[in-house]
Amino acid sequence: FGSFTNNLLTSLQVSGLAIALNLLITLPAAYSLVRYEFPGKGIILSALTLPLYTPAPVLGISLVLAYNLMRPSFALHKKKSHFPTTARSNKPRSRKCPISSPRQRRFCANG
């Protein structure tokens, strides 16, 4: 995984590059949005300010819903048992054991 110093320097380099690319793209776009008139300018400005008017819980819920819609097998994966399945015995249940689960019943004296 590398040393702390190498990881820190890599992180600083990546963040500096991201900031530089961000400035190269956003400054001309912001300048053109403010100085020039073009069709659709109002829609773009509205779309850019929309997150300011949307409550945070709405954004969070929509992210969770979008994640679950993109990965429908996620909900099914959580319900699967991580224990190996065992064959059920045809032996009648003991009346003295109050536990109904076959896995836990084996700990009863007569189960």
C-alpha atoms as a PDB file:
ATOM      1  CA  PHE A   1       0.000   0.000   0.000  1.00  0.00           C
ATOM      2  CA  GLY A   2       2.967   2.327   0.215  1.00  0.00           C
ATOM      3  CA  SER A   3       4.123   4.655   2.921  1.00  0.00           C
ATOM      4  CA  PHE A   4       2.117   7.478   4.422  1.00  0.00           C
ATOM      5  CA  THR A   5       4.297  10.113   2.742  1.00  0.00           C
ATOM      6  CA  ASN A   6       3.865   8.587  -0.721  1.00  0.00           C
ATOM      7  CA  ASN A   7       0.107   8.280  -0.242  1.00  0.00           C
ATOM      8  CA  LEU A   8      -0.137  11.870   0.994  1.00  0.00           C
ATOM      9  CA  LEU A   9       1.851  13.212  -1.950  1.00  0.00           C
ATOM     10  CA  THR A  10      -0.242  11.224  -4.417  1.00  0.00           C
ATOM     11  CA  SER A  11      -3.427  12.535  -2.816  1.00  0.00           C
ATOM     12  CA  LEU A  12      -2.154  16.130  -3.006  1.00  0.00           C
ATOM     13  CA  GLN A  13      -1.170  15.697  -6.651  1.00  0.00           C
ATOM     14  CA  VAL A  14      -4.546  14.234  -7.605  1.00  0.00           C
ATOM     15  CA  SER A  15      -6.477  16.937  -5.743  1.00  0.00           C
ATOM     16  CA  GLY A  16      -4.323  19.691  -7.292  1.00  0.00           C
ATOM     17  CA  LEU A  17      -4.928  18.276 -10.776  1.00  0.00           C
ATOM     18  CA  ALA A  18      -8.671  18.047 -10.081  1.00  0.00           C
ATOM     19  CA  ILE A  19      -8.762  21.673  -8.927  1.00  0.00           C
ATOM     20  CA  ALA A  20      -6.843  22.843 -12.004  1.00  0.00           C
ATOM     21  CA  LEU A  21      -9.144  20.953 -14.407  1.00  0.00           C
ATOM     22  CA  ASN A  22     -12.191  22.211 -12.533  1.00  0.00           C
ATOM     23  CA  LEU A  23     -11.035  25.827 -12.867  1.00  0.00           C
ATOM     24  CA  LEU A  24     -10.246  25.385 -16.558  1.00  0.00           C
ATOM     25  CA  ILE A  25     -13.781  24.180 -17.230  1.00  0.00           C
ATOM     26  CA  THR A  26     -15.918  26.181 -14.797  1.00  0.00           C
ATOM     27  CA  LEU A  27     -14.441  29.669 -15.128  1.00  0.00           C
ATOM     28  CA  PRO A  28     -15.112  29.992 -18.878  1.00  0.00           C
ATOM     29  CA  ALA A  29     -18.545  28.383 -18.431  1.00  0.00           C
ATOM     30  CA  ALA A  30     -19.453  30.795 -15.614  1.00  0.00           C
ATOM     31  CA  TYR A  31     -18.191  33.770 -17.622  1.00  0.00           C
ATOM     32  CA  SER A  32     -20.250  32.785 -20.665  1.00  0.00           C
ATOM     33  CA  LEU A  33     -23.364  32.207 -18.524  1.00  0.00           C
ATOM     34  CA  VAL A  34     -23.104  35.698 -17.029  1.00  0.00           C
ATOM     35  CA  ARG A  35     -21.978  37.764 -20.050  1.00  0.00           C
ATOM     36  CA  TYR A  36     -23.790  36.269 -23.039  1.00  0.00           C
ATOM     37  CA  GLU A  37     -27.427  35.686 -23.920  1.00  0.00           C
ATOM     38  CA  PHE A  38     -28.290  32.368 -25.555  1.00  0.00           C
ATOM     39  CA  PRO A  39     -31.346  30.096 -25.789  1.00  0.00           C
ATOM     40  CA  GLY A  40     -31.780  27.865 -22.751  1.00  0.00           C
ATOM     41  CA  LYS A  41     -29.776  30.092 -20.409  1.00  0.00           C
ATOM     42  CA  GLY A  42     -32.632  30.247 -17.886  1.00  0.00           C
ATOM     43  CA  ILE A  43     -33.004  26.474 -17.844  1.00  0.00           C
ATOM     44  CA  ILE A  44     -29.276  25.985 -17.255  1.00  0.00           C
ATOM     45  CA  LEU A  45     -29.242  28.527 -14.423  1.00  0.00           C
ATOM     46  CA  SER A  46     -32.306  26.883 -12.861  1.00  0.00           C
ATOM     47  CA  ALA A  47     -30.713  23.435 -13.098  1.00  0.00           C
ATOM     48  CA  LEU A  48     -27.514  24.724 -11.494  1.00  0.00           C
ATOM     49  CA  THR A  49     -29.369  26.262  -8.538  1.00  0.00           C
ATOM     50  CA  LEU A  50     -31.813  23.374  -8.036  1.00  0.00           C
ATOM     51  CA  PRO A  51     -29.692  21.591  -5.364  1.00  0.00           C
ATOM     52  CA  LEU A  52     -29.830  24.747  -3.240  1.00  0.00           C
ATOM     53  CA  TYR A  53     -33.630  24.487  -2.977  1.00  0.00           C
ATOM     54  CA  THR A  54     -33.905  20.728  -2.530  1.00  0.00           C
ATOM     55  CA  PRO A  55     -33.847  19.455   1.082  1.00  0.00           C
ATOM     56  CA  ALA A  56     -30.993  17.126   1.950  1.00  0.00           C
ATOM     57  CA  PRO A  57     -33.237  14.190   3.014  1.00  0.00           C
ATOM     58  CA  VAL A  58     -34.917  14.259  -0.412  1.00  0.00           C
ATOM     59  CA  LEU A  59     -31.534  14.045  -2.108  1.00  0.00           C
ATOM     60  CA  GLY A  60     -30.463  11.221   0.205  1.00  0.00           C
ATOM     61  CA  ILE A  61     -33.622   9.199  -0.349  1.00  0.00           C
ATOM     62  CA  SER A  62     -33.380   9.660  -4.103  1.00  0.00           C
ATOM     63  CA  LEU A  63     -29.767   8.450  -4.045  1.00  0.00           C
ATOM     64  CA  VAL A  64     -30.761   5.350  -2.096  1.00  0.00           C
ATOM     65  CA  LEU A  65     -33.633   4.667  -4.498  1.00  0.00           C
ATOM     66  CA  ALA A  66     -31.411   5.179  -7.530  1.00  0.00           C
ATOM     67  CA  TYR A  67     -28.805   2.817  -6.084  1.00  0.00           C
ATOM     68  CA  ASN A  68     -31.409   0.137  -5.398  1.00  0.00           C
ATOM     69  CA  LEU A  69     -32.914   0.486  -8.879  1.00  0.00           C
ATOM     70  CA  MET A  70     -29.513   0.111 -10.510  1.00  0.00           C
ATOM     71  CA  ARG A  71     -28.667  -2.966  -8.425  1.00  0.00           C
ATOM     72  CA  PRO A  72     -31.844  -4.969  -7.838  1.00  0.00           C
ATOM     73  CA  SER A  73     -29.900  -7.993  -6.648  1.00  0.00           C
ATOM     74  CA  PHE A  74     -28.653  -6.028  -3.616  1.00  0.00           C
ATOM     75  CA  ALA A  75     -31.882  -6.527  -1.658  1.00  0.00           C
ATOM     76  CA  LEU A  76     -31.957 -10.238  -2.477  1.00  0.00           C
ATOM     77  CA  HIS A  77     -28.333 -10.647  -1.452  1.00  0.00           C
ATOM     78  CA  LYS A  78     -29.037  -9.269   2.029  1.00  0.00           C
ATOM     79  CA  LYS A  79     -31.821 -11.797   2.666  1.00  0.00           C
ATOM     80  CA  LYS A  80     -29.759 -14.859   1.859  1.00  0.00           C
ATOM     81  CA  SER A  81     -28.586 -16.871   4.807  1.00  0.00           C
ATOM     82  CA  HIS A  82     -24.870 -17.116   5.341  1.00  0.00           C
ATOM     83  CA  PHE A  83     -25.254 -20.436   7.120  1.00  0.00           C
ATOM     84  CA  PRO A  84     -25.112 -23.735   5.251  1.00  0.00           C
ATOM     85  CA  THR A  85     -28.463 -25.406   4.797  1.00  0.00           C
ATOM     86  CA  THR A  86     -29.123 -28.639   6.638  1.00  0.00           C
ATOM     87  CA  ALA A  87     -31.610 -31.346   5.839  1.00  0.00           C
ATOM     88  CA  ARG A  88     -34.599 -31.440   8.170  1.00  0.00           C
ATOM     89  CA  SER A  89     -35.094 -34.631  10.062  1.00  0.00           C
ATOM     90  CA  ASN A  90     -38.381 -36.512   9.991  1.00  0.00           C
ATOM     91  CA  LYS A  91     -38.078 -37.146  13.714  1.00  0.00           C
ATOM     92  CA  PRO A  92     -41.096 -35.849  15.699  1.00  0.00           C
ATOM     93  CA  ARG A  93     -40.441 -32.770  17.802  1.00  0.00           C
ATOM     94  CA  SER A  94     -39.976 -33.162  21.499  1.00  0.00           C
ATOM     95  CA  ARG A  95     -42.616 -31.516  23.703  1.00  0.00           C
ATOM     96  CA  LYS A  96     -39.994 -30.648  26.342  1.00  0.00           C
ATOM     97  CA  CYS A  97     -37.916 -28.372  24.095  1.00  0.00           C
ATOM     98  CA  PRO A  98     -39.404 -24.838  23.798  1.00  0.00           C
ATOM     99  CA  ILE A  99     -37.120 -23.885  20.893  1.00  0.00           C
ATOM    100  CA  SER A 100     -38.717 -24.275  17.474  1.00  0.00           C
ATOM    101  CA  SER A 101     -35.641 -23.736  15.318  1.00  0.00           C
ATOM    102  CA  PRO A 102     -33.963 -27.002  14.219  1.00  0.00           C
ATOM    103  CA  ARG A 103     -30.519 -25.473  14.647  1.00  0.00           C
ATOM    104  CA  GLN A 104     -31.184 -24.326  18.183  1.00  0.00           C
ATOM    105  CA  ARG A 105     -33.164 -27.445  19.121  1.00  0.00           C
ATOM    106  CA  ARG A 106     -30.016 -29.556  18.982  1.00  0.00           C
ATOM    107  CA  PHE A 107     -28.919 -27.849  22.211  1.00  0.00           C
ATOM    108  CA  CYS A 108     -31.953 -29.153  24.071  1.00  0.00           C
ATOM    109  CA  ALA A 109     -31.495 -32.324  26.055  1.00  0.00           C
ATOM    110  CA  ASN A 110     -34.236 -34.245  24.243  1.00  0.00           C
ATOM    111  CA  GLY A 111     -34.232 -32.346  20.979  1.00  0.00           C
END
